[in-house]
Protein backbone atom coordinates (compact mmCIF):
# COMPACT_ATOMS: atom_id res chain seq x y z
CA UNK A 1 -5.83 -9.46 13.95
CA UNK A 2 -5.23 -6.48 14.70
CA UNK A 3 -3.42 -3.63 11.94
CA UNK A 4 0.06 -2.88 13.27
CA UNK A 5 2.70 -2.13 11.57
CA UNK A 6 4.70 -4.77 13.74
CA UNK A 7 2.04 -7.80 13.05
CA UNK A 8 1.71 -6.98 9.60
CA UNK A 9 5.28 -7.68 8.58
CA UNK A 10 5.02 -10.59 10.70
CA UNK A 11 2.10 -11.74 8.58
CA UNK A 12 4.50 -10.84 5.77
CA UNK A 13 7.42 -12.79 6.34
CA UNK A 14 4.13 -15.61 6.71
CA UNK A 15 1.61 -15.02 3.78
CA UNK A 16 3.51 -12.82 1.04
CA UNK A 17 7.78 -14.19 1.88
CA UNK A 18 8.60 -12.39 -2.38
CA UNK A 19 7.00 -8.55 -0.39
CA UNK A 20 9.26 -9.40 3.21
CA UNK A 21 12.21 -11.01 1.23
CA UNK A 22 12.30 -8.46 -0.82
CA UNK A 23 12.50 -5.26 2.02
CA UNK A 24 9.22 -4.26 2.23
CA UNK A 25 8.72 -3.40 5.85
CA UNK A 26 5.69 -0.65 6.83
CA UNK A 27 7.19 1.78 9.30
CA UNK A 28 4.12 3.88 10.26
CA UNK A 29 0.45 3.24 10.38
CA UNK A 30 -2.49 5.95 11.16
CA UNK A 31 -6.49 6.28 10.29
CA UNK A 32 -5.61 8.68 7.42
CA UNK A 33 -2.09 7.01 6.06
CA UNK A 34 0.76 4.50 6.54
CA UNK A 35 3.74 4.56 4.73
CA UNK A 36 6.20 2.09 3.78
CA UNK A 37 9.63 1.49 3.30
CA UNK A 38 11.87 -0.70 1.16
CA UNK A 39 15.54 -0.45 0.66
CA UNK A 40 17.21 -1.16 -2.80
CA UNK A 41 20.17 -3.85 -3.31
CA UNK A 42 20.63 -6.88 -4.29
CA UNK A 43 17.40 -9.21 -4.72
CA UNK A 44 14.91 -6.22 -6.06
CA UNK A 45 17.61 -4.11 -7.94
CA UNK A 46 17.78 -4.22 -12.42
CA UNK A 47 20.00 -4.46 -14.55
CA UNK A 48 20.48 -0.83 -13.99
CA UNK A 49 21.25 -1.32 -10.77
CA UNK A 50 18.51 0.70 -9.93
CA UNK A 51 15.08 -0.75 -7.95
CA UNK A 52 13.12 -2.81 -10.35
CA UNK A 53 9.60 -1.59 -10.61
CA UNK A 54 7.62 -4.83 -9.01
CA UNK A 55 9.45 -4.26 -6.01
CA UNK A 56 8.73 -0.32 -5.62
CA UNK A 57 5.11 -2.24 -6.95
CA UNK A 58 4.72 -4.21 -3.75
CA UNK A 59 5.66 -1.44 -1.41
CA UNK A 60 3.47 1.06 -3.05
CA UNK A 61 0.97 -1.50 -2.41
CA UNK A 62 1.17 -1.99 0.64
CA UNK A 63 0.87 1.01 1.87
CA UNK A 64 -2.56 1.23 0.17
CA UNK A 65 -3.52 -2.54 1.00
CA UNK A 66 -2.67 -2.05 4.66
CA UNK A 67 -4.54 1.58 5.31
CA UNK A 68 -8.03 -0.32 3.90
CA UNK A 69 -7.10 -3.14 5.67
CA UNK A 70 -7.16 -0.48 8.88
CA UNK A 71 -10.45 1.13 8.33
CA UNK A 72 -12.28 -2.02 8.31
CA UNK A 73 -11.26 -2.71 11.37
CA UNK A 74 -11.20 -0.22 12.60
CA UNK A 75 -14.72 0.41 11.05
CA UNK A 76 -15.61 -2.85 11.49
CA UNK A 77 -16.82 -4.62 8.99
CA UNK A 78 -16.87 -7.61 6.72
CA UNK A 79 -16.09 -5.83 3.83
CA UNK A 80 -14.25 -7.73 0.66
CA UNK A 81 -11.53 -5.49 -0.60
CA UNK A 82 -9.78 -6.34 -4.39
CA UNK A 83 -7.11 -3.96 -6.08
CA UNK A 84 -9.09 -3.68 -9.90
CA UNK A 85 -6.55 -0.96 -11.50
CA UNK A 86 -3.10 0.21 -11.32
CA UNK A 87 -0.97 2.71 -12.88
CA UNK A 88 2.61 4.11 -11.98
CA UNK A 89 4.59 7.36 -13.51
CA UNK A 90 8.69 6.70 -12.72
CA UNK A 91 10.67 10.03 -12.64
CA UNK A 92 14.28 9.36 -11.53
CA UNK A 93 15.87 5.88 -10.50
CA UNK A 94 15.06 4.23 -7.19
CA UNK A 95 18.25 3.76 -5.00
CA UNK A 96 18.81 4.20 -1.62
CA UNK A 97 15.90 3.57 1.19
CA UNK A 98 12.31 4.33 -0.49
CA UNK A 99 8.93 5.88 1.11
CA UNK A 100 5.48 4.99 0.42
CA UNK A 101 3.32 7.18 1.54
CA UNK A 102 -0.63 6.97 0.82
CA UNK A 103 -3.13 9.39 2.95
CA UNK A 104 -6.18 7.29 1.34
CA UNK A 105 -7.60 6.67 5.06
CA UNK A 106 -10.32 9.36 4.91
CA UNK A 107 -11.55 8.65 1.20
CA UNK A 108 -12.14 4.46 1.97
CA UNK A 109 -14.02 5.13 5.36
CA UNK A 110 -16.51 7.22 3.29
CA UNK A 111 -16.11 4.34 1.00
CA UNK A 112 -17.21 1.62 3.13
CA UNK A 113 -19.54 3.66 4.32
CA UNK A 114 -21.16 4.31 1.42
CA UNK A 115 -21.62 0.89 0.34
CA UNK A 116 -23.52 -0.10 3.22
CA UNK A 117 -26.14 1.99 3.07
CA UNK A 118 -25.87 1.35 -0.92
CA UNK A 119 -25.55 -2.29 -0.74
CA UNK A 120 -23.37 -2.34 -3.82
CA UNK A 121 -19.37 -2.41 -4.01
CA UNK A 122 -18.02 1.14 -4.15
CA UNK A 123 -14.31 2.34 -5.51
CA UNK A 124 -11.85 4.33 -4.76
CA UNK A 125 -8.30 5.25 -6.32
CA UNK A 126 -5.46 5.23 -3.59
CA UNK A 127 -2.40 7.81 -4.92
CA UNK A 128 1.22 5.93 -2.99
CA UNK A 129 4.10 8.25 -3.35
CA UNK A 130 7.29 6.78 -2.73
CA UNK A 131 10.46 9.37 -2.49
CA UNK A 132 14.23 8.63 -1.44
CA UNK A 133 15.75 9.96 1.23
CA UNK A 134 16.37 13.39 -0.56
CA UNK A 135 11.86 14.02 -0.62
CA UNK A 136 12.37 13.72 -4.25
CA UNK A 137 9.39 11.56 -5.56
CA UNK A 138 10.83 8.06 -7.68
CA UNK A 139 7.78 7.24 -8.98
CA UNK A 140 3.88 7.42 -7.65
CA UNK A 141 1.47 4.40 -8.36
CA UNK A 142 -2.63 4.86 -8.76
CA UNK A 143 -4.07 1.52 -6.93
CA UNK A 144 -8.58 1.53 -7.61
CA UNK A 145 -9.73 -0.61 -4.79
CA UNK A 146 -13.15 -1.73 -4.96
CA UNK A 147 -14.73 -2.48 -1.67
CA UNK A 148 -17.71 -4.06 -1.02
CA UNK A 149 -19.34 -4.51 2.75
CA UNK A 150 -21.10 -7.66 2.85
CA UNK A 151 -23.57 -8.33 4.89
């Protein structure tokens, strides 16, 4: 599958229905960064009338994971990918539209190339920063991805 925002959103509908129903949508995707949107609504809210942390986590993980998938596609390497650790910080109630952006494309490509050379798995740290419509950071997620080129 060619990795484009439209195709990934269709993939979510078919294979990740909870994310799709929760409102996760890929907005932009390039070699260097990915942006994923999620909108606060009844389906993904907590009892405090803001977005549930796990809904934010789905969008944040998608912004990092889609960037990994794009790098794998572009480099044409058969690579396994797995989240091995995750941490998050929350700064403000998440309401309205939240955009999660990950800018780790270069680090991902370096890790895949290093895995191919060393024949070992590599770990890359990717940060997804979530901002509201006013540009205020509401949360930051740090995902540790393990990448290994299959030989």
